Amino acid sequence: MDTAGDGADHAAEGDRRDEGRDDVPGIEASLRALGDTGRATWSAGRDASKAFRILLAADVSLARSAFGRTLAFTGVAIAFGASAWLLLMAALVAWLSIRVGVAWSLSLLITALLSIAATAVGGWQAMRYFDHTRMQATRRQLARLGIGELAGFMPDAGSGASTEAAADRVSDATDAKPVKKGLGVDITPP
């Protein structure tokens, strides 16, 4: 039994296997390449988040500026609209009294009723559109993902159950009284 000869044979065989692997990088080179890739990924992510933060800051700044200007021009529109409405109603009162022969008090009553009707239609439309600010669909989907105060009332994300039906069941179960959070704060149903 020549154990030294066997060891030499195995070493020679190992050398022959290594000769075919000259183009294969070693573990150190692979780890170095992996580290470089990780640093490049981290750098790209950092640059993307920085760009997003700059974009968000610019967008918020633009929105803030636009909101201020919107308020200013809305104030101007309200002032001129109100004065135009008052002048129109005064002209209508004068026309009803002088041309048509209606008493001043009845002319004033007719224009007041017209103004009340316009106010009622405007208020009804405002409440109708204000309801859209509750973001009902988004809140239902966030609740379905387990986010928000309604999460305990909605089906899970993988469920085929309707969130709108669940919201209706919550509304029916509470008799249209708001549900309370743990701190006693009302939860607006979606």
Protein backbone atom coordinates (compact mmCIF):
# COMPACT_ATOMS: atom_id res chain seq x y z
CA MET A 1 0.00 0.00 0.00
CA ASP A 2 1.68 3.07 -1.22
CA THR A 3 -0.23 5.88 0.49
CA ALA A 4 2.31 8.49 -0.52
CA GLY A 5 1.82 7.49 -4.14
CA ASP A 6 -1.97 7.79 -3.77
CA GLY A 7 -1.58 11.30 -2.36
CA ALA A 8 0.64 12.28 -5.28
CA ASP A 9 -1.91 10.87 -7.73
CA HIS A 10 -4.71 12.89 -6.13
CA ALA A 11 -2.59 16.06 -6.20
CA ALA A 12 -1.79 15.56 -9.88
CA GLU A 13 -5.45 14.95 -10.62
CA GLY A 14 -6.39 18.15 -8.73
CA ASP A 15 -3.80 20.12 -10.71
CA ARG A 16 -5.32 18.84 -13.97
CA ARG A 17 -8.79 19.96 -12.82
CA ASP A 18 -7.47 23.44 -11.90
CA GLU A 19 -5.79 23.82 -15.30
CA GLY A 20 -9.23 23.87 -16.98
CA ARG A 21 -10.46 26.59 -14.58
CA ASP A 22 -8.05 29.40 -15.34
CA ASP A 23 -10.88 31.54 -16.75
CA VAL A 24 -13.14 31.01 -13.70
CA PRO A 25 -12.74 33.81 -11.11
CA GLY A 26 -11.93 32.94 -7.56
CA ILE A 27 -14.19 33.46 -4.57
CA GLU A 28 -12.45 36.74 -3.70
CA ALA A 29 -13.10 38.18 -7.14
CA SER A 30 -16.74 37.06 -6.98
CA LEU A 31 -17.21 38.64 -3.56
CA ARG A 32 -15.53 41.84 -4.77
CA ALA A 33 -17.84 41.95 -7.80
CA LEU A 34 -20.85 41.28 -5.57
CA GLY A 35 -19.78 44.09 -3.24
CA ASP A 36 -19.31 46.48 -6.18
CA THR A 37 -22.79 45.56 -7.48
CA GLY A 38 -24.29 46.14 -4.02
CA ARG A 39 -22.62 49.54 -3.72
CA ALA A 40 -23.81 50.50 -7.21
CA THR A 41 -27.35 49.42 -6.36
CA TRP A 42 -27.27 51.35 -3.09
CA SER A 43 -25.93 54.43 -4.88
CA ALA A 44 -28.61 54.21 -7.58
CA GLY A 45 -31.33 53.83 -4.95
CA ARG A 46 -29.96 56.79 -2.99
CA ASP A 47 -29.84 58.91 -6.15
CA ALA A 48 -33.39 57.89 -7.10
CA SER A 49 -34.73 58.71 -3.63
CA LYS A 50 -32.90 62.05 -3.67
CA ALA A 51 -34.39 62.88 -7.07
CA PHE A 52 -37.84 61.87 -5.83
CA ARG A 53 -37.44 64.03 -2.71
CA ILE A 54 -36.43 67.03 -4.85
CA LEU A 55 -39.37 66.41 -7.18
CA LEU A 56 -41.77 66.10 -4.24
CA ALA A 57 -40.46 69.29 -2.64
CA ALA A 58 -40.81 71.18 -5.92
CA ASP A 59 -44.30 69.79 -6.45
CA VAL A 60 -45.40 70.76 -2.93
CA SER A 61 -43.92 74.23 -3.41
CA LEU A 62 -45.78 74.63 -6.70
CA ALA A 63 -49.02 73.37 -5.16
CA ARG A 64 -48.66 75.76 -2.20
CA SER A 65 -48.09 78.70 -4.53
CA ALA A 66 -50.98 77.65 -6.78
CA PHE A 67 -53.26 77.20 -3.76
CA GLY A 68 -52.55 80.75 -2.57
CA ARG A 69 -53.23 82.19 -5.99
CA THR A 70 -56.36 80.08 -6.32
CA LEU A 71 -57.64 81.50 -3.03
CA ALA A 72 -56.87 85.05 -4.14
CA PHE A 73 -58.63 84.69 -7.49
CA THR A 74 -61.53 82.85 -5.84
CA GLY A 75 -61.95 85.81 -3.50
CA VAL A 76 -61.97 88.18 -6.47
CA ALA A 77 -64.51 85.99 -8.29
CA ILE A 78 -66.75 85.83 -5.21
CA ALA A 79 -66.63 89.61 -4.69
CA PHE A 80 -67.46 90.42 -8.30
CA GLY A 81 -70.02 87.62 -8.56
CA ALA A 82 -71.80 88.80 -5.42
CA SER A 83 -71.84 92.41 -6.56
CA ALA A 84 -73.11 91.35 -10.00
CA TRP A 85 -75.85 89.25 -8.37
CA LEU A 86 -76.89 92.16 -6.15
CA LEU A 87 -77.02 94.53 -9.12
CA LEU A 88 -78.99 91.98 -11.12
CA MET A 89 -81.49 91.54 -8.30
CA ALA A 90 -81.80 95.33 -7.89
CA ALA A 91 -82.44 95.68 -11.62
CA LEU A 92 -85.04 92.88 -11.43
CA VAL A 93 -86.79 94.57 -8.49
CA ALA A 94 -86.82 97.89 -10.35
CA TRP A 95 -88.10 96.25 -13.56
CA LEU A 96 -90.84 94.31 -11.71
CA SER A 97 -91.94 97.44 -9.84
CA ILE A 98 -91.75 100.03 -12.60
CA ARG A 99 -92.45 98.12 -15.84
CA VAL A 100 -94.64 95.24 -14.67
CA GLY A 101 -96.38 97.15 -11.88
CA VAL A 102 -95.68 94.70 -9.07
CA ALA A 103 -95.48 96.17 -5.57
CA TRP A 104 -91.97 96.80 -4.19
CA SER A 105 -92.45 94.33 -1.36
CA LEU A 106 -93.56 91.58 -3.76
CA SER A 107 -90.65 92.38 -6.10
CA LEU A 108 -88.22 92.04 -3.20
CA LEU A 109 -89.88 88.77 -2.15
CA ILE A 110 -89.59 87.32 -5.69
CA THR A 111 -85.88 88.17 -5.93
CA ALA A 112 -85.28 86.81 -2.40
CA LEU A 113 -86.95 83.51 -3.33
CA LEU A 114 -84.82 83.35 -6.50
CA SER A 115 -81.69 83.91 -4.39
CA ILE A 116 -82.75 81.25 -1.87
CA ALA A 117 -83.37 78.75 -4.68
CA ALA A 118 -79.92 79.45 -6.17
CA THR A 119 -78.37 79.08 -2.69
CA ALA A 120 -80.14 75.76 -2.10
CA VAL A 121 -79.01 74.33 -5.45
CA GLY A 122 -75.45 75.52 -4.85
CA GLY A 123 -75.37 74.08 -1.33
CA TRP A 124 -76.81 70.75 -2.48
CA GLN A 125 -74.19 70.48 -5.25
CA ALA A 126 -71.40 71.44 -2.81
CA MET A 127 -72.43 68.71 -0.37
CA ARG A 128 -72.71 66.22 -3.21
CA TYR A 129 -69.19 66.96 -4.46
CA PHE A 130 -67.75 67.28 -0.94
CA ASP A 131 -68.69 63.63 -0.40
CA HIS A 132 -66.01 62.73 -2.96
CA THR A 133 -63.32 64.17 -0.68
CA ARG A 134 -63.74 61.21 1.67
CA MET A 135 -61.79 59.03 -0.81
CA GLN A 136 -64.11 56.11 -0.16
CA ALA A 137 -62.60 53.63 -2.62
CA THR A 138 -59.04 54.31 -1.48
CA ARG A 139 -60.01 53.97 2.19
CA ARG A 140 -61.78 50.67 1.48
CA GLN A 141 -58.72 49.29 -0.32
CA LEU A 142 -56.34 50.47 2.41
CA ALA A 143 -58.63 48.87 5.01
CA ARG A 144 -58.55 45.69 3.00
CA LEU A 145 -54.74 45.75 3.23
CA GLY A 146 -55.01 46.19 7.00
CA ILE A 147 -54.19 49.92 7.02
CA GLY A 148 -56.36 52.53 8.69
CA GLU A 149 -59.15 52.68 11.21
CA LEU A 150 -61.54 50.56 9.14
CA ALA A 151 -59.18 47.59 8.78
CA GLY A 152 -60.97 45.54 11.42
CA PHE A 153 -64.27 45.83 9.58
CA MET A 154 -63.14 44.95 6.04
CA PRO A 155 -62.38 41.56 4.42
CA ASP A 156 -58.76 40.55 3.83
CA ALA A 157 -56.92 41.45 0.62
CA GLY A 158 -57.04 37.88 -0.73
CA SER A 159 -60.75 37.56 -0.08
CA GLY A 160 -63.27 37.75 -2.88
CA ALA A 161 -65.74 39.60 -0.63
CA SER A 162 -66.78 43.11 -1.63
CA THR A 163 -65.44 45.94 0.51
CA GLU A 164 -68.41 48.09 -0.44
CA ALA A 165 -70.76 45.41 0.87
CA ALA A 166 -68.70 45.20 4.08
CA ALA A 167 -68.90 48.99 4.46
CA ASP A 168 -72.68 48.78 3.99
CA ARG A 169 -72.88 46.04 6.65
CA VAL A 170 -70.89 48.22 9.07
CA SER A 171 -73.24 51.13 8.37
CA ASP A 172 -76.32 48.93 8.86
CA ALA A 173 -74.94 47.36 12.05
CA THR A 174 -74.25 50.73 13.65
CA ASP A 175 -77.61 52.25 12.63
CA ALA A 176 -75.78 55.10 10.88
CA LYS A 177 -74.13 56.07 14.19
CA PRO A 178 -70.37 56.53 13.78
CA VAL A 179 -68.13 53.71 14.93
CA LYS A 180 -65.73 54.71 17.71
CA LYS A 181 -62.01 54.06 17.70
CA GLY A 182 -60.28 52.94 20.86
CA LEU A 183 -59.90 56.57 21.95
CA GLY A 184 -63.61 57.38 21.40
CA VAL A 185 -63.05 59.25 18.13
CA ASP A 186 -65.71 58.84 15.45
CA ILE A 187 -64.72 56.85 12.37
CA THR A 188 -66.23 58.12 9.14
CA PRO A 189 -67.52 55.11 7.22
CA PRO A 190 -66.31 54.73 3.64
